[in-house]
């Protein structure tokens, strides 16, 4: 998975530094703008948590967002063929 993240331009080193990230770090990890991050939240693609008027994102929420955008959450046809 880490190789895929690096290939698409996700900063996996920064992603793995902390289990929780703020907005600025999340934008840097994913390589997206503030507008795109807000759109992902509005469409409920990226789950956030609020604490003291600031938004935070877990590592799992960021990875799930990336998986849903790349359709990686669904199994590949070749992976399910032999089950």
PDB file of N, CA and C in Angstrom:
ATOM      1  N   UNK A   1       0.833  -1.200   0.000  1.00  0.00           N
ATOM      2  CA  UNK A   1       0.000   0.000   0.000  1.00  0.00           C
ATOM      3  C   UNK A   1       0.870   1.252   0.000  1.00  0.00           C
ATOM      4  N   UNK A   2       1.977   1.209   0.734  1.00  0.00           N
ATOM      5  CA  UNK A   2       2.837   2.393   0.812  1.00  0.00           C
ATOM      6  C   UNK A   2       3.435   2.744  -0.550  1.00  0.00           C
ATOM      7  N   UNK A   3       3.731   1.730  -1.344  1.00  0.00           N
ATOM      8  CA  UNK A   3       4.264   1.980  -2.685  1.00  0.00           C
ATOM      9  C   UNK A   3       3.219   2.676  -3.558  1.00  0.00           C
ATOM     10  N   UNK A   4       1.966   2.271  -3.437  1.00  0.00           N
ATOM     11  CA  UNK A   4       0.888   2.912  -4.193  1.00  0.00           C
ATOM     12  C   UNK A   4       0.747   4.365  -3.756  1.00  0.00           C
ATOM     13  N   UNK A   5       0.791   4.606  -2.440  1.00  0.00           N
ATOM     14  CA  UNK A   5       0.662   5.974  -1.938  1.00  0.00           C
ATOM     15  C   UNK A   5       1.781   6.863  -2.472  1.00  0.00           C
ATOM     16  N   UNK A   6       3.005   6.365  -2.478  1.00  0.00           N
ATOM     17  CA  UNK A   6       4.122   7.152  -2.991  1.00  0.00           C
ATOM     18  C   UNK A   6       3.992   7.400  -4.491  1.00  0.00           C
ATOM     19  N   UNK A   7       3.478   6.422  -5.219  1.00  0.00           N
ATOM     20  CA  UNK A   7       3.307   6.565  -6.661  1.00  0.00           C
ATOM     21  C   UNK A   7       2.316   7.658  -7.019  1.00  0.00           C
ATOM     22  N   UNK A   8       1.236   7.768  -6.237  1.00  0.00           N
ATOM     23  CA  UNK A   8       0.210   8.774  -6.552  1.00  0.00           C
ATOM     24  C   UNK A   8       0.494  10.124  -5.908  1.00  0.00           C
ATOM     25  N   UNK A   9       1.620  10.247  -5.197  1.00  0.00           N
ATOM     26  CA  UNK A   9       2.016  11.542  -4.666  1.00  0.00           C
ATOM     27  C   UNK A   9       1.611  11.814  -3.247  1.00  0.00           C
ATOM     28  N   UNK A  10       1.239  10.792  -2.498  1.00  0.00           N
ATOM     29  CA  UNK A  10       0.884  10.965  -1.098  1.00  0.00           C
ATOM     30  C   UNK A  10       2.161  10.892  -0.266  1.00  0.00           C
ATOM     31  N   UNK A  11       2.313  11.791   0.671  1.00  0.00           N
ATOM     32  CA  UNK A  11       3.488  11.819   1.534  1.00  0.00           C
ATOM     33  C   UNK A  11       3.295  10.798   2.653  1.00  0.00           C
ATOM     34  N   UNK A  12       3.672   9.560   2.392  1.00  0.00           N
ATOM     35  CA  UNK A  12       3.435   8.483   3.359  1.00  0.00           C
ATOM     36  C   UNK A  12       4.310   8.621   4.601  1.00  0.00           C
ATOM     37  N   UNK A  13       5.480   9.227   4.470  1.00  0.00           N
ATOM     38  CA  UNK A  13       6.323   9.449   5.654  1.00  0.00           C
ATOM     39  C   UNK A  13       5.633  10.391   6.633  1.00  0.00           C
ATOM     40  N   UNK A  14       5.070  11.467   6.121  1.00  0.00           N
ATOM     41  CA  UNK A  14       4.343  12.411   6.960  1.00  0.00           C
ATOM     42  C   UNK A  14       3.068  11.778   7.510  1.00  0.00           C
ATOM     43  N   UNK A  15       2.424  10.945   6.714  1.00  0.00           N
ATOM     44  CA  UNK A  15       1.205  10.251   7.144  1.00  0.00           C
ATOM     45  C   UNK A  15       1.487   9.356   8.346  1.00  0.00           C
ATOM     46  N   UNK A  16       2.623   8.691   8.344  1.00  0.00           N
ATOM     47  CA  UNK A  16       2.948   7.737   9.402  1.00  0.00           C
ATOM     48  C   UNK A  16       3.580   8.363  10.637  1.00  0.00           C
ATOM     49  N   UNK A  17       3.819   9.677  10.633  1.00  0.00           N
ATOM     50  CA  UNK A  17       4.452  10.312  11.785  1.00  0.00           C
ATOM     51  C   UNK A  17       3.534  10.381  12.997  1.00  0.00           C
ATOM     52  N   UNK A  18       2.248  10.634  12.797  1.00  0.00           N
ATOM     53  CA  UNK A  18       1.287  10.771  13.895  1.00  0.00           C
ATOM     54  C   UNK A  18       0.000  10.034  13.557  1.00  0.00           C
ATOM     55  N   UNK A  19      -0.726   9.583  14.581  1.00  0.00           N
ATOM     56  CA  UNK A  19      -2.015   8.935  14.301  1.00  0.00           C
ATOM     57  C   UNK A  19      -3.126   9.937  13.983  1.00  0.00           C
ATOM     58  N   UNK A  20      -2.931  11.223  14.368  1.00  0.00           N
ATOM     59  CA  UNK A  20      -3.936  12.269  14.139  1.00  0.00           C
ATOM     60  C   UNK A  20      -3.248  13.468  13.491  1.00  0.00           C
ATOM     61  N   UNK A  21      -3.910  14.054  12.478  1.00  0.00           N
ATOM     62  CA  UNK A  21      -3.335  15.184  11.745  1.00  0.00           C
ATOM     63  C   UNK A  21      -4.333  16.337  11.685  1.00  0.00           C
ATOM     64  N   UNK A  22      -3.829  17.567  11.666  1.00  0.00           N
ATOM     65  CA  UNK A  22      -4.691  18.731  11.517  1.00  0.00           C
ATOM     66  C   UNK A  22      -4.953  18.995  10.026  1.00  0.00           C
ATOM     67  N   UNK A  23      -5.698  20.049   9.739  1.00  0.00           N
ATOM     68  CA  UNK A  23      -6.080  20.349   8.350  1.00  0.00           C
ATOM     69  C   UNK A  23      -4.869  20.598   7.460  1.00  0.00           C
ATOM     70  N   UNK A  24      -3.944  21.415   7.939  1.00  0.00           N
ATOM     71  CA  UNK A  24      -2.789  21.782   7.118  1.00  0.00           C
ATOM     72  C   UNK A  24      -1.933  20.563   6.785  1.00  0.00           C
ATOM     73  N   UNK A  25      -1.702  19.729   7.779  1.00  0.00           N
ATOM     74  CA  UNK A  25      -0.901  18.525   7.550  1.00  0.00           C
ATOM     75  C   UNK A  25      -1.614  17.565   6.610  1.00  0.00           C
ATOM     76  N   UNK A  26      -2.912  17.433   6.773  1.00  0.00           N
ATOM     77  CA  UNK A  26      -3.691  16.550   5.903  1.00  0.00           C
ATOM     78  C   UNK A  26      -3.638  17.021   4.452  1.00  0.00           C
ATOM     79  N   UNK A  27      -3.729  18.328   4.245  1.00  0.00           N
ATOM     80  CA  UNK A  27      -3.630  18.858   2.879  1.00  0.00           C
ATOM     81  C   UNK A  27      -2.254  18.567   2.292  1.00  0.00           C
ATOM     82  N   UNK A  28      -1.209  18.684   3.110  1.00  0.00           N
ATOM     83  CA  UNK A  28       0.146  18.403   2.653  1.00  0.00           C
ATOM     84  C   UNK A  28       0.339  16.921   2.358  1.00  0.00           C
ATOM     85  N   UNK A  29      -0.215  16.062   3.205  1.00  0.00           N
ATOM     86  CA  UNK A  29      -0.108  14.611   3.007  1.00  0.00           C
ATOM     87  C   UNK A  29      -0.756  14.200   1.694  1.00  0.00           C
ATOM     88  N   UNK A  30      -1.972  14.690   1.467  1.00  0.00           N
ATOM     89  CA  UNK A  30      -2.732  14.278   0.290  1.00  0.00           C
ATOM     90  C   UNK A  30      -2.397  15.083  -0.958  1.00  0.00           C
ATOM     91  N   UNK A  31      -1.722  16.205  -0.782  1.00  0.00           N
ATOM     92  CA  UNK A  31      -1.389  17.040  -1.935  1.00  0.00           C
ATOM     93  C   UNK A  31      -2.602  17.711  -2.543  1.00  0.00           C
ATOM     94  N   UNK A  32      -3.520  18.161  -1.682  1.00  0.00           N
ATOM     95  CA  UNK A  32      -4.753  18.782  -2.161  1.00  0.00           C
ATOM     96  C   UNK A  32      -4.905  20.176  -1.567  1.00  0.00           C
ATOM     97  N   UNK A  33      -5.838  20.929  -2.118  1.00  0.00           N
ATOM     98  CA  UNK A  33      -6.098  22.284  -1.636  1.00  0.00           C
ATOM     99  C   UNK A  33      -7.155  22.264  -0.532  1.00  0.00           C
ATOM    100  N   UNK A  34      -7.324  23.420   0.085  1.00  0.00           N
ATOM    101  CA  UNK A  34      -8.337  23.575   1.129  1.00  0.00           C
ATOM    102  C   UNK A  34      -9.733  23.300   0.565  1.00  0.00           C
ATOM    103  N   UNK A  35      -9.980  23.757  -0.649  1.00  0.00           N
ATOM    104  CA  UNK A  35     -11.282  23.561  -1.288  1.00  0.00           C
ATOM    105  C   UNK A  35     -11.584  22.083  -1.498  1.00  0.00           C
ATOM    106  N   UNK A  36     -10.590  21.330  -1.945  1.00  0.00           N
ATOM    107  CA  UNK A  36     -10.785  19.901  -2.170  1.00  0.00           C
ATOM    108  C   UNK A  36     -11.016  19.173  -0.856  1.00  0.00           C
ATOM    109  N   UNK A  37     -10.273  19.547   0.179  1.00  0.00           N
ATOM    110  CA  UNK A  37     -10.463  18.938   1.490  1.00  0.00           C
ATOM    111  C   UNK A  37     -11.877  19.190   2.002  1.00  0.00           C
ATOM    112  N   UNK A  38     -12.366  20.389   1.836  1.00  0.00           N
ATOM    113  CA  UNK A  38     -13.729  20.739   2.247  1.00  0.00           C
ATOM    114  C   UNK A  38     -14.759  19.942   1.442  1.00  0.00           C
ATOM    115  N   UNK A  39     -14.500  19.760   0.157  1.00  0.00           N
ATOM    116  CA  UNK A  39     -15.403  18.988  -0.696  1.00  0.00           C
ATOM    117  C   UNK A  39     -15.467  17.531  -0.231  1.00  0.00           C
ATOM    118  N   UNK A  40     -14.314  16.960   0.109  1.00  0.00           N
ATOM    119  CA  UNK A  40     -14.285  15.584   0.607  1.00  0.00           C
ATOM    120  C   UNK A  40     -15.085  15.457   1.899  1.00  0.00           C
ATOM    121  N   UNK A  41     -15.010  16.466   2.755  1.00  0.00           N
ATOM    122  CA  UNK A  41     -15.787  16.450   3.996  1.00  0.00           C
ATOM    123  C   UNK A  41     -17.276  16.561   3.710  1.00  0.00           C
ATOM    124  N   UNK A  42     -17.654  17.473   2.826  1.00  0.00           N
ATOM    125  CA  UNK A  42     -19.067  17.685   2.497  1.00  0.00           C
ATOM    126  C   UNK A  42     -19.693  16.442   1.871  1.00  0.00           C
ATOM    127  N   UNK A  43     -18.915  15.734   1.052  1.00  0.00           N
ATOM    128  CA  UNK A  43     -19.415  14.522   0.401  1.00  0.00           C
ATOM    129  C   UNK A  43     -19.237  13.290   1.276  1.00  0.00           C
ATOM    130  N   UNK A  44     -18.760  13.503   2.501  1.00  0.00           N
ATOM    131  CA  UNK A  44     -18.542  12.451   3.491  1.00  0.00           C
ATOM    132  C   UNK A  44     -17.589  11.373   2.996  1.00  0.00           C
ATOM    133  N   UNK A  45     -16.614  11.779   2.194  1.00  0.00           N
ATOM    134  CA  UNK A  45     -15.556  10.874   1.745  1.00  0.00           C
ATOM    135  C   UNK A  45     -14.451  10.823   2.791  1.00  0.00           C
ATOM    136  N   UNK A  46     -14.228  11.944   3.466  1.00  0.00           N
ATOM    137  CA  UNK A  46     -13.207  12.049   4.503  1.00  0.00           C
ATOM    138  C   UNK A  46     -13.877  12.422   5.819  1.00  0.00           C
ATOM    139  N   UNK A  47     -13.682  11.579   6.821  1.00  0.00           N
ATOM    140  CA  UNK A  47     -14.289  11.805   8.128  1.00  0.00           C
ATOM    141  C   UNK A  47     -13.350  12.631   8.998  1.00  0.00           C
ATOM    142  N   UNK A  48     -13.895  13.648   9.645  1.00  0.00           N
ATOM    143  CA  UNK A  48     -13.089  14.498  10.518  1.00  0.00           C
ATOM    144  C   UNK A  48     -13.694  14.506  11.915  1.00  0.00           C
ATOM    145  N   UNK A  49     -12.865  14.914  12.869  1.00  0.00           N
ATOM    146  CA  UNK A  49     -13.319  15.097  14.243  1.00  0.00           C
ATOM    147  C   UNK A  49     -12.991  16.511  14.659  1.00  0.00           C
ATOM    148  N   UNK A  50     -13.825  17.076  15.502  1.00  0.00           N
ATOM    149  CA  UNK A  50     -13.631  18.458  15.928  1.00  0.00           C
ATOM    150  C   UNK A  50     -13.289  18.483  17.416  1.00  0.00           C
ATOM    151  N   UNK A  51     -12.260  19.285  17.748  1.00  0.00           N
ATOM    152  CA  UNK A  51     -11.873  19.485  19.138  1.00  0.00           C
ATOM    153  C   UNK A  51     -11.416  20.923  19.295  1.00  0.00           C
ATOM    154  N   UNK A  52     -12.080  21.656  20.178  1.00  0.00           N
ATOM    155  CA  UNK A  52     -11.777  23.064  20.427  1.00  0.00           C
ATOM    156  C   UNK A  52     -11.722  23.880  19.136  1.00  0.00           C
ATOM    157  N   UNK A  53     -12.758  23.769  18.359  1.00  0.00           N
ATOM    158  CA  UNK A  53     -12.958  24.520  17.114  1.00  0.00           C
ATOM    159  C   UNK A  53     -11.913  24.230  16.041  1.00  0.00           C
ATOM    160  N   UNK A  54     -11.209  23.121  16.138  1.00  0.00           N
ATOM    161  CA  UNK A  54     -10.261  22.718  15.102  1.00  0.00           C
ATOM    162  C   UNK A  54     -10.626  21.326  14.624  1.00  0.00           C
ATOM    163  N   UNK A  55     -10.356  21.058  13.344  1.00  0.00           N
ATOM    164  CA  UNK A  55     -10.658  19.757  12.771  1.00  0.00           C
ATOM    165  C   UNK A  55      -9.397  18.909  12.714  1.00  0.00           C
ATOM    166  N   UNK A  56      -9.599  17.627  12.997  1.00  0.00           N
ATOM    167  CA  UNK A  56      -8.506  16.666  12.964  1.00  0.00           C
ATOM    168  C   UNK A  56      -8.937  15.441  12.172  1.00  0.00           C
ATOM    169  N   UNK A  57      -7.950  14.770  11.584  1.00  0.00           N
ATOM    170  CA  UNK A  57      -8.202  13.606  10.748  1.00  0.00           C
ATOM    171  C   UNK A  57      -7.285  12.478  11.205  1.00  0.00           C
ATOM    172  N   UNK A  58      -7.834  11.278  11.308  1.00  0.00           N
ATOM    173  CA  UNK A  58      -7.011  10.145  11.689  1.00  0.00           C
ATOM    174  C   UNK A  58      -6.307   9.584  10.464  1.00  0.00           C
ATOM    175  N   UNK A  59      -5.261   8.851  10.723  1.00  0.00           N
ATOM    176  CA  UNK A  59      -4.520   8.200   9.637  1.00  0.00           C
ATOM    177  C   UNK A  59      -5.449   7.263   8.865  1.00  0.00           C
ATOM    178  N   UNK A  60      -6.295   6.538   9.590  1.00  0.00           N
ATOM    179  CA  UNK A  60      -7.216   5.597   8.950  1.00  0.00           C
ATOM    180  C   UNK A  60      -8.230   6.316   8.059  1.00  0.00           C
ATOM    181  N   UNK A  61      -8.707   7.482   8.500  1.00  0.00           N
ATOM    182  CA  UNK A  61      -9.673   8.242   7.701  1.00  0.00           C
ATOM    183  C   UNK A  61      -9.035   8.739   6.408  1.00  0.00           C
ATOM    184  N   UNK A  62      -7.775   9.152   6.482  1.00  0.00           N
ATOM    185  CA  UNK A  62      -7.064   9.629   5.287  1.00  0.00           C
ATOM    186  C   UNK A  62      -6.853   8.482   4.311  1.00  0.00           C
ATOM    187  N   UNK A  63      -6.420   7.329   4.814  1.00  0.00           N
ATOM    188  CA  UNK A  63      -6.196   6.169   3.945  1.00  0.00           C
ATOM    189  C   UNK A  63      -7.511   5.693   3.336  1.00  0.00           C
ATOM    190  N   UNK A  64      -8.589   5.692   4.118  1.00  0.00           N
ATOM    191  CA  UNK A  64      -9.902   5.294   3.588  1.00  0.00           C
ATOM    192  C   UNK A  64     -10.374   6.240   2.488  1.00  0.00           C
ATOM    193  N   UNK A  65     -10.098   7.530   2.644  1.00  0.00           N
ATOM    194  CA  UNK A  65     -10.453   8.513   1.624  1.00  0.00           C
ATOM    195  C   UNK A  65      -9.703   8.229   0.323  1.00  0.00           C
ATOM    196  N   UNK A  66      -8.428   7.937   0.441  1.00  0.00           N
ATOM    197  CA  UNK A  66      -7.616   7.639  -0.743  1.00  0.00           C
ATOM    198  C   UNK A  66      -8.103   6.361  -1.402  1.00  0.00           C
ATOM    199  N   UNK A  67      -8.395   5.347  -0.598  1.00  0.00           N
ATOM    200  CA  UNK A  67      -8.887   4.081  -1.143  1.00  0.00           C
ATOM    201  C   UNK A  67     -10.206   4.272  -1.881  1.00  0.00           C
ATOM    202  N   UNK A  68     -11.103   5.071  -1.322  1.00  0.00           N
ATOM    203  CA  UNK A  68     -12.405   5.266  -1.974  1.00  0.00           C
ATOM    204  C   UNK A  68     -12.268   6.047  -3.278  1.00  0.00           C
ATOM    205  N   UNK A  69     -11.317   6.982  -3.334  1.00  0.00           N
ATOM    206  CA  UNK A  69     -11.121   7.743  -4.570  1.00  0.00           C
ATOM    207  C   UNK A  69     -10.475   6.912  -5.667  1.00  0.00           C
ATOM    208  N   UNK A  70      -9.687   5.911  -5.292  1.00  0.00           N
ATOM    209  CA  UNK A  70      -9.014   5.063  -6.278  1.00  0.00           C
ATOM    210  C   UNK A  70      -9.701   3.717  -6.459  1.00  0.00           C
ATOM    211  N   UNK A  71     -10.841   3.531  -5.801  1.00  0.00           N
ATOM    212  CA  UNK A  71     -11.571   2.260  -5.827  1.00  0.00           C
ATOM    213  C   UNK A  71     -10.703   1.105  -5.347  1.00  0.00           C
ATOM    214  N   UNK A  72      -9.819   1.361  -4.402  1.00  0.00           N
ATOM    215  CA  UNK A  72      -8.975   0.309  -3.844  1.00  0.00           C
ATOM    216  C   UNK A  72      -9.675  -0.467  -2.748  1.00  0.00           C
ATOM    217  N   UNK A  73     -10.804   0.053  -2.265  1.00  0.00           N
ATOM    218  CA  UNK A  73     -11.527  -0.640  -1.212  1.00  0.00           C
ATOM    219  C   UNK A  73     -12.238  -1.869  -1.756  1.00  0.00           C
ATOM    220  N   UNK A  74     -12.494  -1.878  -3.053  1.00  0.00           N
ATOM    221  CA  UNK A  74     -13.130  -3.026  -3.675  1.00  0.00           C
ATOM    222  C   UNK A  74     -12.049  -3.995  -4.134  1.00  0.00           C
ATOM    223  N   UNK A  75     -12.352  -5.272  -4.021  1.00  0.00           N
ATOM    224  CA  UNK A  75     -11.370  -6.263  -4.447  1.00  0.00           C
ATOM    225  C   UNK A  75     -11.275  -6.280  -5.970  1.00  0.00           C
ATOM    226  N   UNK A  76     -10.098  -6.551  -6.426  1.00  0.00           N
ATOM    227  CA  UNK A  76      -9.823  -6.671  -7.841  1.00  0.00           C
ATOM    228  C   UNK A  76     -10.480  -7.947  -8.381  1.00  0.00           C
ATOM    229  N   UNK A  77     -10.850  -7.958  -9.641  1.00  0.00           N
ATOM    230  CA  UNK A  77     -11.465  -9.126 -10.264  1.00  0.00           C
ATOM    231  C   UNK A  77     -10.540 -10.328 -10.150  1.00  0.00           C
ATOM    232  N   UNK A  78      -9.258 -10.127 -10.311  1.00  0.00           N
ATOM    233  CA  UNK A  78      -8.301 -11.225 -10.259  1.00  0.00           C
ATOM    234  C   UNK A  78      -8.149 -11.768  -8.852  1.00  0.00           C
ATOM    235  N   UNK A  79      -8.309 -10.927  -7.843  1.00  0.00           N
ATOM    236  CA  UNK A  79      -8.187 -11.387  -6.466  1.00  0.00           C
ATOM    237  C   UNK A  79      -9.377 -12.260  -6.063  1.00  0.00           C
ATOM    238  N   UNK A  80     -10.540 -11.949  -6.571  1.00  0.00           N
ATOM    239  CA  UNK A  80     -11.738 -12.693  -6.189  1.00  0.00           C
ATOM    240  C   UNK A  80     -11.971 -13.929  -7.057  1.00  0.00           C
ATOM    241  N   UNK A  81     -11.235 -14.066  -8.128  1.00  0.00           N
ATOM    242  CA  UNK A  81     -11.444 -15.163  -9.053  1.00  0.00           C
ATOM    243  C   UNK A  81     -11.196 -16.524  -8.390  1.00  0.00           C
ATOM    244  N   UNK A  82     -10.216 -16.592  -7.506  1.00  0.00           N
ATOM    245  CA  UNK A  82      -9.804 -17.866  -6.934  1.00  0.00           C
ATOM    246  C   UNK A  82     -10.461 -18.168  -5.597  1.00  0.00           C
ATOM    247  N   UNK A  83     -11.354 -17.321  -5.149  1.00  0.00           N
ATOM    248  CA  UNK A  83     -12.023 -17.581  -3.866  1.00  0.00           C
ATOM    249  C   UNK A  83     -13.174 -18.541  -4.031  1.00  0.00           C
TER     250      UNK A  83
END
